[in-house]
Amino acid sequence: MADLVYPPVIVLIKSIWKYLGFNFDFQAQENVPRKGGAILAINHTSYLDFALAGTAALPAKRYVRFMAKKELFDNKLAGPLLRGMHHINVDRSNGSASFVAALRALKAGEIIGIFPEGTISTSFEIKGLKSGAVRLAIGADVPIIPTIVWGGQRVYTKGVKPSFKRGKIPVTVSFGLPITYSRDTDVEVAETHLREVMIQMLRDVQEKYPDSHVGQRWAPVRLGGTAPAPLN
């Protein structure tokens, strides 16, 4: 498919990262497939996670097609951009249509970005996962690449006033080893397994993060931060 919108949007996004002064640490980018369909299963801590994960995948010469809620596509500014970048409209009242669209894209060799937690985790821990990512991976016979993004919540997250001040903020994106589930895999078992992998990856990223989490609103209580406690 023709990508006329994605390249200029990338230029804009990179300019924003440069303005904000992000210090990026992109880990294990070799785990992003250079060709063929795949799913990035990404944790969700900020409104920047789409752009951060997509930026980290660029060295693989891949554009990530994200599954995004219908309300974003209805926006007069964001809608045309999302459609132009061939992202996938998720109407929660008619989930089957978006599932079929994602399945077709995966079988056509695209990389699909999914936030299996469904919404931003205000505790900054991995919440319970929805089954869509696993079901898509099994249906399309493609691998899942567990992906962790950490640091974007310091700038723009749910329930906190955004802060777009320039500063040297460390931002990590880590790609895990591809996971392949066979057609006879139990979806609930696979879901549990994926969540365990993502939890361990998140903790590894947090352990190596250069700034202290203690006393910070953007950090989980487990690390001494002041974010809301997990609900599950």
C-alpha atoms as a PDB file:
ATOM      1  CA  MET A   1       0.000   0.000   0.000  1.00  0.00           C
ATOM      2  CA  ALA A   2       1.124   3.546  -0.723  1.00  0.00           C
ATOM      3  CA  ASP A   3       2.473   5.450   2.266  1.00  0.00           C
ATOM      4  CA  LEU A   4       2.216   9.136   1.431  1.00  0.00           C
ATOM      5  CA  VAL A   5       1.229  10.345   4.909  1.00  0.00           C
ATOM      6  CA  TYR A   6       3.460   8.260   7.186  1.00  0.00           C
ATOM      7  CA  PRO A   7       6.875   9.718   6.105  1.00  0.00           C
ATOM      8  CA  PRO A   8       6.049  13.405   6.768  1.00  0.00           C
ATOM      9  CA  VAL A   9       4.385  12.498  10.069  1.00  0.00           C
ATOM     10  CA  ILE A  10       7.601  10.706  11.093  1.00  0.00           C
ATOM     11  CA  VAL A  11       9.598  13.864  10.326  1.00  0.00           C
ATOM     12  CA  LEU A  12       7.211  15.857  12.521  1.00  0.00           C
ATOM     13  CA  ILE A  13       7.354  13.325  15.360  1.00  0.00           C
ATOM     14  CA  LYS A  14      11.155  13.229  15.305  1.00  0.00           C
ATOM     15  CA  SER A  15      11.178  17.019  15.497  1.00  0.00           C
ATOM     16  CA  ILE A  16       8.964  16.835  18.581  1.00  0.00           C
ATOM     17  CA  TRP A  17      11.305  14.307  20.224  1.00  0.00           C
ATOM     18  CA  LYS A  18      14.256  16.560  19.462  1.00  0.00           C
ATOM     19  CA  TYR A  19      12.475  19.582  20.944  1.00  0.00           C
ATOM     20  CA  LEU A  20      11.568  17.661  24.111  1.00  0.00           C
ATOM     21  CA  GLY A  21      15.146  16.430  24.427  1.00  0.00           C
ATOM     22  CA  PHE A  22      14.325  12.762  24.893  1.00  0.00           C
ATOM     23  CA  ASN A  23      17.305  10.469  25.531  1.00  0.00           C
ATOM     24  CA  PHE A  24      16.266   7.287  23.751  1.00  0.00           C
ATOM     25  CA  ASP A  25      17.372   3.782  24.645  1.00  0.00           C
ATOM     26  CA  PHE A  26      15.999   1.412  22.009  1.00  0.00           C
ATOM     27  CA  GLN A  27      16.711  -2.172  23.068  1.00  0.00           C
ATOM     28  CA  ALA A  28      16.748  -5.403  21.011  1.00  0.00           C
ATOM     29  CA  GLN A  29      15.523  -3.781  17.794  1.00  0.00           C
ATOM     30  CA  GLU A  30      16.747  -6.891  15.988  1.00  0.00           C
ATOM     31  CA  ASN A  31      13.630  -8.640  17.355  1.00  0.00           C
ATOM     32  CA  VAL A  32      11.426  -6.556  15.048  1.00  0.00           C
ATOM     33  CA  PRO A  33      10.955  -8.651  11.868  1.00  0.00           C
ATOM     34  CA  ARG A  34      12.326  -7.095   8.690  1.00  0.00           C
ATOM     35  CA  LYS A  35       9.522  -8.648   6.665  1.00  0.00           C
ATOM     36  CA  GLY A  36       6.262 -10.502   7.200  1.00  0.00           C
ATOM     37  CA  GLY A  37       3.364  -9.979   9.559  1.00  0.00           C
ATOM     38  CA  ALA A  38       3.835  -9.566  13.309  1.00  0.00           C
ATOM     39  CA  ILE A  39       2.130  -8.036  16.336  1.00  0.00           C
ATOM     40  CA  LEU A  40       3.751  -5.599  18.728  1.00  0.00           C
ATOM     41  CA  ALA A  41       2.014  -6.150  22.091  1.00  0.00           C
ATOM     42  CA  ILE A  42       2.828  -2.908  23.910  1.00  0.00           C
ATOM     43  CA  ASN A  43       2.323  -1.850  27.514  1.00  0.00           C
ATOM     44  CA  HIS A  44       0.357   1.385  27.875  1.00  0.00           C
ATOM     45  CA  THR A  45       1.485   4.108  30.274  1.00  0.00           C
ATOM     46  CA  SER A  46       1.135   7.307  28.237  1.00  0.00           C
ATOM     47  CA  TYR A  47      -0.548   9.004  25.291  1.00  0.00           C
ATOM     48  CA  LEU A  48       2.829   9.006  23.522  1.00  0.00           C
ATOM     49  CA  ASP A  49       3.235   5.216  23.428  1.00  0.00           C
ATOM     50  CA  PHE A  50       2.011   4.902  19.825  1.00  0.00           C
ATOM     51  CA  ALA A  51       4.611   7.303  18.500  1.00  0.00           C
ATOM     52  CA  LEU A  52       7.410   6.050  20.755  1.00  0.00           C
ATOM     53  CA  ALA A  53       6.985   2.380  19.794  1.00  0.00           C
ATOM     54  CA  GLY A  54       6.596   3.327  16.132  1.00  0.00           C
ATOM     55  CA  THR A  55       9.786   5.398  16.226  1.00  0.00           C
ATOM     56  CA  ALA A  56      11.740   2.527  17.769  1.00  0.00           C
ATOM     57  CA  ALA A  57      10.628   0.182  14.962  1.00  0.00           C
ATOM     58  CA  LEU A  58      11.857   2.448  12.165  1.00  0.00           C
ATOM     59  CA  PRO A  59      15.410   0.993  11.921  1.00  0.00           C
ATOM     60  CA  ALA A  60      13.758  -2.273  10.835  1.00  0.00           C
ATOM     61  CA  LYS A  61      12.318  -0.253   7.920  1.00  0.00           C
ATOM     62  CA  ARG A  62       8.808  -1.073   9.084  1.00  0.00           C
ATOM     63  CA  TYR A  63       5.776   1.124   9.606  1.00  0.00           C
ATOM     64  CA  VAL A  64       3.594  -0.034  12.478  1.00  0.00           C
ATOM     65  CA  ARG A  65      -0.166   0.021  11.862  1.00  0.00           C
ATOM     66  CA  PHE A  66      -1.807   0.672  15.214  1.00  0.00           C
ATOM     67  CA  MET A  67      -5.234  -0.385  16.358  1.00  0.00           C
ATOM     68  CA  ALA A  68      -6.814   2.810  17.737  1.00  0.00           C
ATOM     69  CA  LYS A  69     -10.224   3.608  19.135  1.00  0.00           C
ATOM     70  CA  LYS A  70     -12.933   4.977  16.859  1.00  0.00           C
ATOM     71  CA  GLU A  71     -13.082   8.301  18.707  1.00  0.00           C
ATOM     72  CA  LEU A  72      -9.606   9.187  17.413  1.00  0.00           C
ATOM     73  CA  PHE A  73     -10.668   8.485  13.833  1.00  0.00           C
ATOM     74  CA  ASP A  74     -13.696  10.747  14.329  1.00  0.00           C
ATOM     75  CA  ASN A  75     -11.425  13.669  15.247  1.00  0.00           C
ATOM     76  CA  LYS A  76     -11.230  16.230  12.409  1.00  0.00           C
ATOM     77  CA  LEU A  77      -7.440  16.560  12.715  1.00  0.00           C
ATOM     78  CA  ALA A  78      -6.319  13.106  13.827  1.00  0.00           C
ATOM     79  CA  GLY A  79      -8.793  11.112  11.720  1.00  0.00           C
ATOM     80  CA  PRO A  80      -7.356  11.900   8.257  1.00  0.00           C
ATOM     81  CA  LEU A  81      -3.810  11.303   9.536  1.00  0.00           C
ATOM     82  CA  LEU A  82      -4.712   7.940  11.074  1.00  0.00           C
ATOM     83  CA  ARG A  83      -6.462   6.806   7.911  1.00  0.00           C
ATOM     84  CA  GLY A  84      -3.583   8.072   5.771  1.00  0.00           C
ATOM     85  CA  MET A  85      -1.132   6.012   7.835  1.00  0.00           C
ATOM     86  CA  HIS A  86      -3.408   2.970   7.460  1.00  0.00           C
ATOM     87  CA  HIS A  87      -4.017   2.511  11.155  1.00  0.00           C
ATOM     88  CA  ILE A  88      -6.994   0.338  12.109  1.00  0.00           C
ATOM     89  CA  ASN A  89     -10.235   1.786  13.441  1.00  0.00           C
ATOM     90  CA  VAL A  90     -11.493  -0.044  16.548  1.00  0.00           C
ATOM     91  CA  ASP A  91     -15.212   0.399  17.158  1.00  0.00           C
ATOM     92  CA  ARG A  92     -15.829  -1.258  20.506  1.00  0.00           C
ATOM     93  CA  SER A  93     -19.520  -1.702  19.636  1.00  0.00           C
ATOM     94  CA  ASN A  94     -18.503  -3.732  16.563  1.00  0.00           C
ATOM     95  CA  GLY A  95     -15.203  -5.382  17.389  1.00  0.00           C
ATOM     96  CA  SER A  96     -15.472  -8.048  14.710  1.00  0.00           C
ATOM     97  CA  ALA A  97     -14.886  -5.550  11.880  1.00  0.00           C
ATOM     98  CA  SER A  98     -11.620  -4.276  13.357  1.00  0.00           C
ATOM     99  CA  PHE A  99     -10.515  -7.855  14.096  1.00  0.00           C
ATOM    100  CA  VAL A 100     -11.046  -8.827  10.448  1.00  0.00           C
ATOM    101  CA  ALA A 101      -9.236  -5.686   9.238  1.00  0.00           C
ATOM    102  CA  ALA A 102      -6.239  -6.452  11.483  1.00  0.00           C
ATOM    103  CA  LEU A 103      -6.245 -10.097  10.384  1.00  0.00           C
ATOM    104  CA  ARG A 104      -6.112  -9.068   6.728  1.00  0.00           C
ATOM    105  CA  ALA A 105      -3.291  -6.615   7.396  1.00  0.00           C
ATOM    106  CA  LEU A 106      -1.251  -9.255   9.241  1.00  0.00           C
ATOM    107  CA  LYS A 107      -1.734 -11.790   6.449  1.00  0.00           C
ATOM    108  CA  ALA A 108      -0.617  -9.100   3.999  1.00  0.00           C
ATOM    109  CA  GLY A 109       2.661  -8.842   5.923  1.00  0.00           C
ATOM    110  CA  GLU A 110       2.035  -5.748   8.042  1.00  0.00           C
ATOM    111  CA  ILE A 111       3.162  -5.130  11.621  1.00  0.00           C
ATOM    112  CA  ILE A 112       0.203  -4.332  13.857  1.00  0.00           C
ATOM    113  CA  GLY A 113       0.620  -2.438  17.132  1.00  0.00           C
ATOM    114  CA  ILE A 114      -1.769  -3.423  19.932  1.00  0.00           C
ATOM    115  CA  PHE A 115      -2.131  -2.290  23.532  1.00  0.00           C
ATOM    116  CA  PRO A 116      -3.493  -5.523  25.056  1.00  0.00           C
ATOM    117  CA  GLU A 117      -4.288  -3.810  28.372  1.00  0.00           C
ATOM    118  CA  GLY A 118      -6.949  -1.853  26.471  1.00  0.00           C
ATOM    119  CA  THR A 119      -6.404   1.483  28.213  1.00  0.00           C
ATOM    120  CA  ILE A 120      -3.595   3.377  29.923  1.00  0.00           C
ATOM    121  CA  SER A 121      -2.482   1.796  33.189  1.00  0.00           C
ATOM    122  CA  THR A 122      -2.597   4.640  35.719  1.00  0.00           C
ATOM    123  CA  SER A 123      -0.584   2.518  38.166  1.00  0.00           C
ATOM    124  CA  PHE A 124       2.103   2.062  35.467  1.00  0.00           C
ATOM    125  CA  GLU A 125       2.039  -1.686  36.125  1.00  0.00           C
ATOM    126  CA  ILE A 126       0.871  -4.285  33.580  1.00  0.00           C
ATOM    127  CA  LYS A 127      -2.882  -4.693  33.934  1.00  0.00           C
ATOM    128  CA  GLY A 128      -4.878  -7.742  32.913  1.00  0.00           C
ATOM    129  CA  LEU A 129      -4.666  -8.343  29.159  1.00  0.00           C
ATOM    130  CA  LYS A 130      -7.499  -8.658  26.686  1.00  0.00           C
ATOM    131  CA  SER A 131      -7.367 -11.644  24.349  1.00  0.00           C
ATOM    132  CA  GLY A 132      -7.313  -9.802  21.009  1.00  0.00           C
ATOM    133  CA  ALA A 133      -3.546  -9.865  20.453  1.00  0.00           C
ATOM    134  CA  VAL A 134      -3.279 -13.599  21.113  1.00  0.00           C
ATOM    135  CA  ARG A 135      -6.329 -14.440  19.001  1.00  0.00           C
ATOM    136  CA  LEU A 136      -5.000 -12.366  16.113  1.00  0.00           C
ATOM    137  CA  ALA A 137      -1.566 -13.973  16.334  1.00  0.00           C
ATOM    138  CA  ILE A 138      -3.084 -17.443  16.247  1.00  0.00           C
ATOM    139  CA  GLY A 139      -5.531 -16.573  13.469  1.00  0.00           C
ATOM    140  CA  ALA A 140      -2.909 -14.967  11.222  1.00  0.00           C
ATOM    141  CA  ASP A 141      -0.109 -17.374  12.213  1.00  0.00           C
ATOM    142  CA  VAL A 142       2.270 -14.531  13.081  1.00  0.00           C
ATOM    143  CA  PRO A 143       4.553 -13.911  16.075  1.00  0.00           C
ATOM    144  CA  ILE A 144       3.891 -11.538  18.944  1.00  0.00           C
ATOM    145  CA  ILE A 145       6.744  -9.208  19.872  1.00  0.00           C
ATOM    146  CA  PRO A 146       6.224  -8.144  23.520  1.00  0.00           C
ATOM    147  CA  THR A 147       7.175  -4.471  23.700  1.00  0.00           C
ATOM    148  CA  ILE A 148       7.826  -2.239  26.693  1.00  0.00           C
ATOM    149  CA  VAL A 149       7.763   1.565  26.602  1.00  0.00           C
ATOM    150  CA  TRP A 150       8.932   3.486  29.673  1.00  0.00           C
ATOM    151  CA  GLY A 151       9.383   7.216  30.216  1.00  0.00           C
ATOM    152  CA  GLY A 152       6.619   8.748  28.110  1.00  0.00           C
ATOM    153  CA  GLN A 153       4.339   8.896  31.157  1.00  0.00           C
ATOM    154  CA  ARG A 154       6.603  11.614  32.549  1.00  0.00           C
ATOM    155  CA  VAL A 155       5.324  13.930  29.807  1.00  0.00           C
ATOM    156  CA  TYR A 156       1.713  13.014  29.006  1.00  0.00           C
ATOM    157  CA  THR A 157      -0.388  10.419  30.777  1.00  0.00           C
ATOM    158  CA  LYS A 158      -3.916   9.894  32.010  1.00  0.00           C
ATOM    159  CA  GLY A 159      -5.145  11.953  34.955  1.00  0.00           C
ATOM    160  CA  VAL A 160      -2.055  14.178  35.133  1.00  0.00           C
ATOM    161  CA  LYS A 161      -1.517  17.619  33.611  1.00  0.00           C
ATOM    162  CA  PRO A 162       0.862  17.206  30.641  1.00  0.00           C
ATOM    163  CA  SER A 163       4.334  18.708  30.853  1.00  0.00           C
ATOM    164  CA  PHE A 164       6.021  19.529  27.553  1.00  0.00           C
ATOM    165  CA  LYS A 165       9.007  21.287  29.058  1.00  0.00           C
ATOM    166  CA  ARG A 166      12.308  20.634  27.357  1.00  0.00           C
ATOM    167  CA  GLY A 167      14.578  18.338  29.329  1.00  0.00           C
ATOM    168  CA  LYS A 168      16.792  15.286  29.133  1.00  0.00           C
ATOM    169  CA  ILE A 169      14.158  12.632  29.854  1.00  0.00           C
ATOM    170  CA  PRO A 170      15.277   9.020  29.416  1.00  0.00           C
ATOM    171  CA  VAL A 171      12.817   7.005  27.301  1.00  0.00           C
ATOM    172  CA  THR A 172      13.221   3.267  26.831  1.00  0.00           C
ATOM    173  CA  VAL A 173      11.600   1.029  24.233  1.00  0.00           C
ATOM    174  CA  SER A 174      12.477  -2.653  24.547  1.00  0.00           C
ATOM    175  CA  PHE A 175      11.478  -5.399  22.102  1.00  0.00           C
ATOM    176  CA  GLY A 176      11.242  -8.940  23.442  1.00  0.00           C
ATOM    177  CA  LEU A 177      11.905 -12.187  21.648  1.00  0.00           C
ATOM    178  CA  PRO A 178       9.142 -13.186  19.208  1.00  0.00           C
ATOM    179  CA  ILE A 179       6.520 -15.517  20.679  1.00  0.00           C
ATOM    180  CA  THR A 180       4.626 -17.914  18.427  1.00  0.00           C
ATOM    181  CA  TYR A 181       1.447 -19.652  19.552  1.00  0.00           C
ATOM    182  CA  SER A 182       0.123 -22.699  17.699  1.00  0.00           C
ATOM    183  CA  ARG A 183      -3.501 -23.057  16.599  1.00  0.00           C
ATOM    184  CA  ASP A 184      -4.235 -25.515  19.417  1.00  0.00           C
ATOM    185  CA  THR A 185      -2.936 -23.086  22.082  1.00  0.00           C
ATOM    186  CA  ASP A 186      -5.358 -22.275  24.885  1.00  0.00           C
ATOM    187  CA  VAL A 187      -5.992 -18.526  24.552  1.00  0.00           C
ATOM    188  CA  GLU A 188      -6.243 -17.928  28.310  1.00  0.00           C
ATOM    189  CA  VAL A 189      -2.988 -19.764  28.948  1.00  0.00           C
ATOM    190  CA  ALA A 190      -1.269 -17.793  26.190  1.00  0.00           C
ATOM    191  CA  GLU A 191      -2.676 -14.550  27.582  1.00  0.00           C
ATOM    192  CA  THR A 192      -1.294 -15.348  31.030  1.00  0.00           C
ATOM    193  CA  HIS A 193       2.065 -16.236  29.531  1.00  0.00           C
ATOM    194  CA  LEU A 194       2.242 -13.009  27.506  1.00  0.00           C
ATOM    195  CA  ARG A 195       1.415 -10.929  30.578  1.00  0.00           C
ATOM    196  CA  GLU A 196       4.134 -12.671  32.615  1.00  0.00           C
ATOM    197  CA  VAL A 197       6.680 -11.958  29.874  1.00  0.00           C
ATOM    198  CA  MET A 198       5.658  -8.305  29.717  1.00  0.00           C
ATOM    199  CA  ILE A 199       5.802  -7.926  33.512  1.00  0.00           C
ATOM    200  CA  GLN A 200       9.336  -9.310  33.607  1.00  0.00           C
ATOM    201  CA  MET A 201      10.424  -7.111  30.696  1.00  0.00           C
ATOM    202  CA  LEU A 202       8.954  -4.021  32.363  1.00  0.00           C
ATOM    203  CA  ARG A 203      10.810  -4.759  35.581  1.00  0.00           C
ATOM    204  CA  ASP A 204      14.058  -5.279  33.680  1.00  0.00           C
ATOM    205  CA  VAL A 205      13.611  -1.910  31.955  1.00  0.00           C
ATOM    206  CA  GLN A 206      12.766  -0.182  35.243  1.00  0.00           C
ATOM    207  CA  GLU A 207      15.794  -1.708  36.964  1.00  0.00           C
ATOM    208  CA  LYS A 208      18.120  -0.262  34.314  1.00  0.00           C
ATOM    209  CA  TYR A 209      16.354   3.092  34.049  1.00  0.00           C
ATOM    210  CA  PRO A 210      18.873   5.851  34.864  1.00  0.00           C
ATOM    211  CA  ASP A 211      16.574   8.110  36.935  1.00  0.00           C
ATOM    212  CA  SER A 212      15.282   7.278  40.410  1.00  0.00           C
ATOM    213  CA  HIS A 213      11.616   6.297  40.727  1.00  0.00           C
ATOM    214  CA  VAL A 214      11.387   7.176  44.424  1.00  0.00           C
ATOM    215  CA  GLY A 215       8.796   9.833  45.206  1.00  0.00           C
ATOM    216  CA  GLN A 216       7.852  10.340  41.561  1.00  0.00           C
ATOM    217  CA  ARG A 217       4.240  10.638  40.373  1.00  0.00           C
ATOM    218  CA  TRP A 218       5.198   8.839  37.146  1.00  0.00           C
ATOM    219  CA  ALA A 219       6.491   5.772  39.028  1.00  0.00           C
ATOM    220  CA  PRO A 220       4.576   2.831  40.544  1.00  0.00           C
ATOM    221  CA  VAL A 221       4.224   2.383  44.286  1.00  0.00           C
ATOM    222  CA  ARG A 222       6.238  -0.832  43.997  1.00  0.00           C
ATOM    223  CA  LEU A 223       9.303   1.292  43.217  1.00  0.00           C
ATOM    224  CA  GLY A 224       8.568   3.994  45.768  1.00  0.00           C
ATOM    225  CA  GLY A 225       6.586   6.191  43.396  1.00  0.00           C
ATOM    226  CA  THR A 226       3.318   7.951  44.146  1.00  0.00           C
ATOM    227  CA  ALA A 227       1.176   6.720  41.234  1.00  0.00           C
ATOM    228  CA  PRO A 228      -2.198   5.159  42.149  1.00  0.00           C
ATOM    229  CA  ALA A 229      -1.976   1.588  43.406  1.00  0.00           C
ATOM    230  CA  PRO A 230      -2.916  -1.161  40.916  1.00  0.00           C
ATOM    231  CA  LEU A 231      -6.574  -2.142  40.835  1.00  0.00           C
ATOM    232  CA  ASN A 232      -5.818  -5.749  39.907  1.00  0.00           C
END
